[in-house]
Amino acid sequence: MTYDRLVCANCAAPVNQGRCPVCRANRKHLQQEGPFTGLNPVTLIALLVVLVAALALAAQTA
């Protein structure tokens, strides 16, 4: 889930607006860089499907 859809329990505003300290802290936490940060969920699912297919093909040939 992306942070633009999250609603803060503290101020009831979208987290991406950063209206309160809790929103700003959560937004900063969600924006941290990681190896899969730039990939959307559809791309991650596609990569997972390719990985499972490769494993199935490898298991079938062995």
PDB file of N, CA and C in Angstrom:
ATOM      1  N   MET A   1       0.853  -1.169   0.000  1.00  0.00           N
ATOM      2  CA  MET A   1       0.000   0.000   0.000  1.00  0.00           C
ATOM      3  C   MET A   1       0.896   1.228   0.000  1.00  0.00           C
ATOM      4  N   THR A   2       0.501   2.218  -0.727  1.00  0.00           N
ATOM      5  CA  THR A   2       1.260   3.452  -0.749  1.00  0.00           C
ATOM      6  C   THR A   2       0.740   4.396   0.315  1.00  0.00           C
ATOM      7  N   TYR A   3       1.604   5.280   0.759  1.00  0.00           N
ATOM      8  CA  TYR A   3       1.217   6.142   1.868  1.00  0.00           C
ATOM      9  C   TYR A   3       0.207   7.208   1.467  1.00  0.00           C
ATOM     10  N   ASP A   4      -0.009   7.440   0.186  1.00  0.00           N
ATOM     11  CA  ASP A   4      -0.979   8.453  -0.218  1.00  0.00           C
ATOM     12  C   ASP A   4      -2.416   8.032   0.060  1.00  0.00           C
ATOM     13  N   ARG A   5      -2.642   6.777   0.398  1.00  0.00           N
ATOM     14  CA  ARG A   5      -3.993   6.307   0.718  1.00  0.00           C
ATOM     15  C   ARG A   5      -4.229   6.120   2.211  1.00  0.00           C
ATOM     16  N   LEU A   6      -3.191   6.285   3.008  1.00  0.00           N
ATOM     17  CA  LEU A   6      -3.323   6.089   4.454  1.00  0.00           C
ATOM     18  C   LEU A   6      -3.916   7.320   5.119  1.00  0.00           C
ATOM     19  N   VAL A   7      -4.738   7.087   6.149  1.00  0.00           N
ATOM     20  CA  VAL A   7      -5.337   8.171   6.923  1.00  0.00           C
ATOM     21  C   VAL A   7      -4.783   8.094   8.340  1.00  0.00           C
ATOM     22  N   CYS A   8      -4.370   9.245   8.850  1.00  0.00           N
ATOM     23  CA  CYS A   8      -3.779   9.318  10.181  1.00  0.00           C
ATOM     24  C   CYS A   8      -4.852   9.148  11.249  1.00  0.00           C
ATOM     25  N   ALA A   9      -4.569   8.335  12.252  1.00  0.00           N
ATOM     26  CA  ALA A   9      -5.508   8.146  13.356  1.00  0.00           C
ATOM     27  C   ALA A   9      -5.458   9.321  14.332  1.00  0.00           C
ATOM     28  N   ASN A  10      -4.400  10.103  14.259  1.00  0.00           N
ATOM     29  CA  ASN A  10      -4.237  11.218  15.175  1.00  0.00           C
ATOM     30  C   ASN A  10      -5.044  12.441  14.725  1.00  0.00           C
ATOM     31  N   CYS A  11      -4.963  12.789  13.440  1.00  0.00           N
ATOM     32  CA  CYS A  11      -5.629  14.011  12.964  1.00  0.00           C
ATOM     33  C   CYS A  11      -6.700  13.740  11.909  1.00  0.00           C
ATOM     34  N   ALA A  12      -6.879  12.500  11.486  1.00  0.00           N
ATOM     35  CA  ALA A  12      -7.877  12.076  10.494  1.00  0.00           C
ATOM     36  C   ALA A  12      -7.667  12.713   9.127  1.00  0.00           C
ATOM     37  N   ALA A  13      -6.442  13.101   8.825  1.00  0.00           N
ATOM     38  CA  ALA A  13      -6.098  13.640   7.506  1.00  0.00           C
ATOM     39  C   ALA A  13      -5.231  12.616   6.781  1.00  0.00           C
ATOM     40  N   PRO A  14      -5.131  12.719   5.465  1.00  0.00           N
ATOM     41  CA  PRO A  14      -4.232  11.818   4.739  1.00  0.00           C
ATOM     42  C   PRO A  14      -2.789  11.977   5.226  1.00  0.00           C
ATOM     43  N   VAL A  15      -2.086  10.876   5.374  1.00  0.00           N
ATOM     44  CA  VAL A  15      -0.722  10.893   5.885  1.00  0.00           C
ATOM     45  C   VAL A  15       0.199  11.686   4.968  1.00  0.00           C
ATOM     46  N   ASN A  16      -0.033  11.621   3.644  1.00  0.00           N
ATOM     47  CA  ASN A  16       0.866  12.301   2.717  1.00  0.00           C
ATOM     48  C   ASN A  16       0.810  13.816   2.847  1.00  0.00           C
ATOM     49  N   GLN A  17      -0.202  14.371   3.511  1.00  0.00           N
ATOM     50  CA  GLN A  17      -0.264  15.813   3.717  1.00  0.00           C
ATOM     51  C   GLN A  17       0.613  16.255   4.882  1.00  0.00           C
ATOM     52  N   GLY A  18       0.896  15.370   5.826  1.00  0.00           N
ATOM     53  CA  GLY A  18       1.785  15.674   6.938  1.00  0.00           C
ATOM     54  C   GLY A  18       1.296  16.797   7.827  1.00  0.00           C
ATOM     55  N   ARG A  19       0.036  16.786   8.201  1.00  0.00           N
ATOM     56  CA  ARG A  19      -0.525  17.869   9.014  1.00  0.00           C
ATOM     57  C   ARG A  19      -0.055  17.861  10.458  1.00  0.00           C
ATOM     58  N   CYS A  20       0.185  16.704  11.032  1.00  0.00           N
ATOM     59  CA  CYS A  20       0.576  16.631  12.441  1.00  0.00           C
ATOM     60  C   CYS A  20       1.927  15.911  12.555  1.00  0.00           C
ATOM     61  N   PRO A  21       2.553  15.943  13.726  1.00  0.00           N
ATOM     62  CA  PRO A  21       3.849  15.271  13.902  1.00  0.00           C
ATOM     63  C   PRO A  21       3.793  13.763  13.629  1.00  0.00           C
ATOM     64  N   VAL A  22       2.679  13.140  13.946  1.00  0.00           N
ATOM     65  CA  VAL A  22       2.537  11.702  13.694  1.00  0.00           C
ATOM     66  C   VAL A  22       2.538  11.430  12.191  1.00  0.00           C
ATOM     67  N   CYS A  23       1.814  12.246  11.426  1.00  0.00           N
ATOM     68  CA  CYS A  23       1.791  12.101   9.964  1.00  0.00           C
ATOM     69  C   CYS A  23       3.187  12.281   9.380  1.00  0.00           C
ATOM     70  N   ARG A  24       3.874  13.324   9.828  1.00  0.00           N
ATOM     71  CA  ARG A  24       5.204  13.600   9.298  1.00  0.00           C
ATOM     72  C   ARG A  24       6.174  12.465   9.609  1.00  0.00           C
ATOM     73  N   ALA A  25       6.094  11.904  10.806  1.00  0.00           N
ATOM     74  CA  ALA A  25       6.974  10.797  11.171  1.00  0.00           C
ATOM     75  C   ALA A  25       6.665   9.556  10.333  1.00  0.00           C
ATOM     76  N   ASN A  26       5.391   9.255  10.153  1.00  0.00           N
ATOM     77  CA  ASN A  26       5.017   8.085   9.346  1.00  0.00           C
ATOM     78  C   ASN A  26       5.368   8.284   7.884  1.00  0.00           C
ATOM     79  N   ARG A  27       5.183   9.495   7.381  1.00  0.00           N
ATOM     80  CA  ARG A  27       5.528   9.782   5.985  1.00  0.00           C
ATOM     81  C   ARG A  27       7.027   9.605   5.772  1.00  0.00           C
ATOM     82  N   LYS A  28       7.827  10.095   6.716  1.00  0.00           N
ATOM     83  CA  LYS A  28       9.278   9.941   6.619  1.00  0.00           C
ATOM     84  C   LYS A  28       9.668   8.469   6.658  1.00  0.00           C
ATOM     85  N   HIS A  29       9.026   7.705   7.523  1.00  0.00           N
ATOM     86  CA  HIS A  29       9.306   6.268   7.620  1.00  0.00           C
ATOM     87  C   HIS A  29       8.945   5.548   6.320  1.00  0.00           C
ATOM     88  N   LEU A  30       7.827   5.889   5.717  1.00  0.00           N
ATOM     89  CA  LEU A  30       7.382   5.220   4.499  1.00  0.00           C
ATOM     90  C   LEU A  30       8.186   5.631   3.275  1.00  0.00           C
ATOM     91  N   GLN A  31       8.847   6.780   3.330  1.00  0.00           N
ATOM     92  CA  GLN A  31       9.620   7.251   2.187  1.00  0.00           C
ATOM     93  C   GLN A  31      11.067   6.789   2.216  1.00  0.00           C
ATOM     94  N   GLN A  32      11.444   6.006   3.218  1.00  0.00           N
ATOM     95  CA  GLN A  32      12.822   5.536   3.299  1.00  0.00           C
ATOM     96  C   GLN A  32      13.156   4.714   2.065  1.00  0.00           C
ATOM     97  N   GLU A  33      14.364   4.875   1.609  1.00  0.00           N
ATOM     98  CA  GLU A  33      14.813   4.164   0.421  1.00  0.00           C
ATOM     99  C   GLU A  33      15.087   2.701   0.738  1.00  0.00           C
ATOM    100  N   GLY A  34      14.749   1.855  -0.196  1.00  0.00           N
ATOM    101  CA  GLY A  34      14.996   0.428  -0.079  1.00  0.00           C
ATOM    102  C   GLY A  34      15.162  -0.168  -1.464  1.00  0.00           C
ATOM    103  N   PRO A  35      15.488  -1.435  -1.551  1.00  0.00           N
ATOM    104  CA  PRO A  35      15.721  -2.030  -2.875  1.00  0.00           C
ATOM    105  C   PRO A  35      14.461  -2.095  -3.746  1.00  0.00           C
ATOM    106  N   PHE A  36      13.288  -2.137  -3.147  1.00  0.00           N
ATOM    107  CA  PHE A  36      12.056  -2.246  -3.917  1.00  0.00           C
ATOM    108  C   PHE A  36      11.169  -1.018  -3.766  1.00  0.00           C
ATOM    109  N   THR A  37      11.726   0.100  -3.336  1.00  0.00           N
ATOM    110  CA  THR A  37      10.942   1.299  -3.076  1.00  0.00           C
ATOM    111  C   THR A  37      10.278   1.839  -4.336  1.00  0.00           C
ATOM    112  N   GLY A  38      10.986   1.836  -5.454  1.00  0.00           N
ATOM    113  CA  GLY A  38      10.457   2.419  -6.683  1.00  0.00           C
ATOM    114  C   GLY A  38       9.502   1.519  -7.444  1.00  0.00           C
ATOM    115  N   LEU A  39       9.350   0.278  -7.030  1.00  0.00           N
ATOM    116  CA  LEU A  39       8.492  -0.658  -7.756  1.00  0.00           C
ATOM    117  C   LEU A  39       7.067  -0.613  -7.212  1.00  0.00           C
ATOM    118  N   ASN A  40       6.116  -0.621  -8.125  1.00  0.00           N
ATOM    119  CA  ASN A  40       4.728  -0.671  -7.673  1.00  0.00           C
ATOM    120  C   ASN A  40       4.324  -2.124  -7.429  1.00  0.00           C
ATOM    121  N   PRO A  41       3.212  -2.358  -6.757  1.00  0.00           N
ATOM    122  CA  PRO A  41       2.803  -3.730  -6.422  1.00  0.00           C
ATOM    123  C   PRO A  41       2.607  -4.633  -7.638  1.00  0.00           C
ATOM    124  N   VAL A  42       2.138  -4.099  -8.747  1.00  0.00           N
ATOM    125  CA  VAL A  42       1.931  -4.921  -9.944  1.00  0.00           C
ATOM    126  C   VAL A  42       3.267  -5.455 -10.453  1.00  0.00           C
ATOM    127  N   THR A  43       4.288  -4.629 -10.435  1.00  0.00           N
ATOM    128  CA  THR A  43       5.613  -5.062 -10.867  1.00  0.00           C
ATOM    129  C   THR A  43       6.167  -6.123  -9.934  1.00  0.00           C
ATOM    130  N   LEU A  44       5.978  -5.947  -8.642  1.00  0.00           N
ATOM    131  CA  LEU A  44       6.443  -6.956  -7.688  1.00  0.00           C
ATOM    132  C   LEU A  44       5.740  -8.292  -7.888  1.00  0.00           C
ATOM    133  N   ILE A  45       4.441  -8.254  -8.159  1.00  0.00           N
ATOM    134  CA  ILE A  45       3.690  -9.493  -8.409  1.00  0.00           C
ATOM    135  C   ILE A  45       4.186 -10.159  -9.688  1.00  0.00           C
ATOM    136  N   ALA A  46       4.449  -9.362 -10.726  1.00  0.00           N
ATOM    137  CA  ALA A  46       4.962  -9.913 -11.979  1.00  0.00           C
ATOM    138  C   ALA A  46       6.327 -10.564 -11.768  1.00  0.00           C
ATOM    139  N   LEU A  47       7.193  -9.927 -10.998  1.00  0.00           N
ATOM    140  CA  LEU A  47       8.489 -10.528 -10.695  1.00  0.00           C
ATOM    141  C   LEU A  47       8.344 -11.825  -9.914  1.00  0.00           C
ATOM    142  N   LEU A  48       7.403 -11.867  -8.998  1.00  0.00           N
ATOM    143  CA  LEU A  48       7.152 -13.081  -8.234  1.00  0.00           C
ATOM    144  C   LEU A  48       6.655 -14.208  -9.139  1.00  0.00           C
ATOM    145  N   VAL A  49       5.765 -13.895 -10.068  1.00  0.00           N
ATOM    146  CA  VAL A  49       5.252 -14.901 -11.004  1.00  0.00           C
ATOM    147  C   VAL A  49       6.388 -15.446 -11.867  1.00  0.00           C
ATOM    148  N   VAL A  50       7.257 -14.565 -12.335  1.00  0.00           N
ATOM    149  CA  VAL A  50       8.401 -15.001 -13.149  1.00  0.00           C
ATOM    150  C   VAL A  50       9.324 -15.898 -12.332  1.00  0.00           C
ATOM    151  N   LEU A  51       9.555 -15.545 -11.082  1.00  0.00           N
ATOM    152  CA  LEU A  51      10.407 -16.358 -10.219  1.00  0.00           C
ATOM    153  C   LEU A  51       9.806 -17.739  -9.978  1.00  0.00           C
ATOM    154  N   VAL A  52       8.520 -17.791  -9.719  1.00  0.00           N
ATOM    155  CA  VAL A  52       7.848 -19.085  -9.488  1.00  0.00           C
ATOM    156  C   VAL A  52       7.891 -19.924 -10.770  1.00  0.00           C
ATOM    157  N   ALA A  53       7.681 -19.301 -11.926  1.00  0.00           N
ATOM    158  CA  ALA A  53       7.724 -20.034 -13.192  1.00  0.00           C
ATOM    159  C   ALA A  53       9.130 -20.576 -13.447  1.00  0.00           C
ATOM    160  N   ALA A  54      10.151 -19.793 -13.145  1.00  0.00           N
ATOM    161  CA  ALA A  54      11.535 -20.247 -13.333  1.00  0.00           C
ATOM    162  C   ALA A  54      11.851 -21.411 -12.398  1.00  0.00           C
ATOM    163  N   LEU A  55      11.382 -21.332 -11.170  1.00  0.00           N
ATOM    164  CA  LEU A  55      11.600 -22.433 -10.221  1.00  0.00           C
ATOM    165  C   LEU A  55      10.865 -23.698 -10.670  1.00  0.00           C
ATOM    166  N   ALA A  56       9.658 -23.551 -11.178  1.00  0.00           N
ATOM    167  CA  ALA A  56       8.901 -24.706 -11.659  1.00  0.00           C
ATOM    168  C   ALA A  56       9.579 -25.348 -12.861  1.00  0.00           C
ATOM    169  N   LEU A  57      10.105 -24.523 -13.747  1.00  0.00           N
ATOM    170  CA  LEU A  57      10.815 -25.037 -14.922  1.00  0.00           C
ATOM    171  C   LEU A  57      12.100 -25.745 -14.507  1.00  0.00           C
ATOM    172  N   ALA A  58      12.805 -25.189 -13.561  1.00  0.00           N
ATOM    173  CA  ALA A  58      14.031 -25.816 -13.081  1.00  0.00           C
ATOM    174  C   ALA A  58      13.730 -27.144 -12.381  1.00  0.00           C
ATOM    175  N   ALA A  59      12.654 -27.197 -11.616  1.00  0.00           N
ATOM    176  CA  ALA A  59      12.292 -28.435 -10.921  1.00  0.00           C
ATOM    177  C   ALA A  59      11.837 -29.508 -11.917  1.00  0.00           C
ATOM    178  N   GLN A  60      11.193 -29.087 -12.990  1.00  0.00           N
ATOM    179  CA  GLN A  60      10.699 -30.046 -13.974  1.00  0.00           C
ATOM    180  C   GLN A  60      11.852 -30.646 -14.790  1.00  0.00           C
ATOM    181  N   THR A  61      12.876 -29.861 -15.077  1.00  0.00           N
ATOM    182  CA  THR A  61      13.989 -30.380 -15.878  1.00  0.00           C
ATOM    183  C   THR A  61      14.944 -31.217 -15.040  1.00  0.00           C
ATOM    184  N   ALA A  62      14.906 -31.087 -13.733  1.00  0.00           N
ATOM    185  CA  ALA A  62      15.846 -31.841 -12.890  1.00  0.00           C
ATOM    186  C   ALA A  62      15.344 -33.238 -12.582  1.00  0.00           C
TER     187      ALA A  62
END
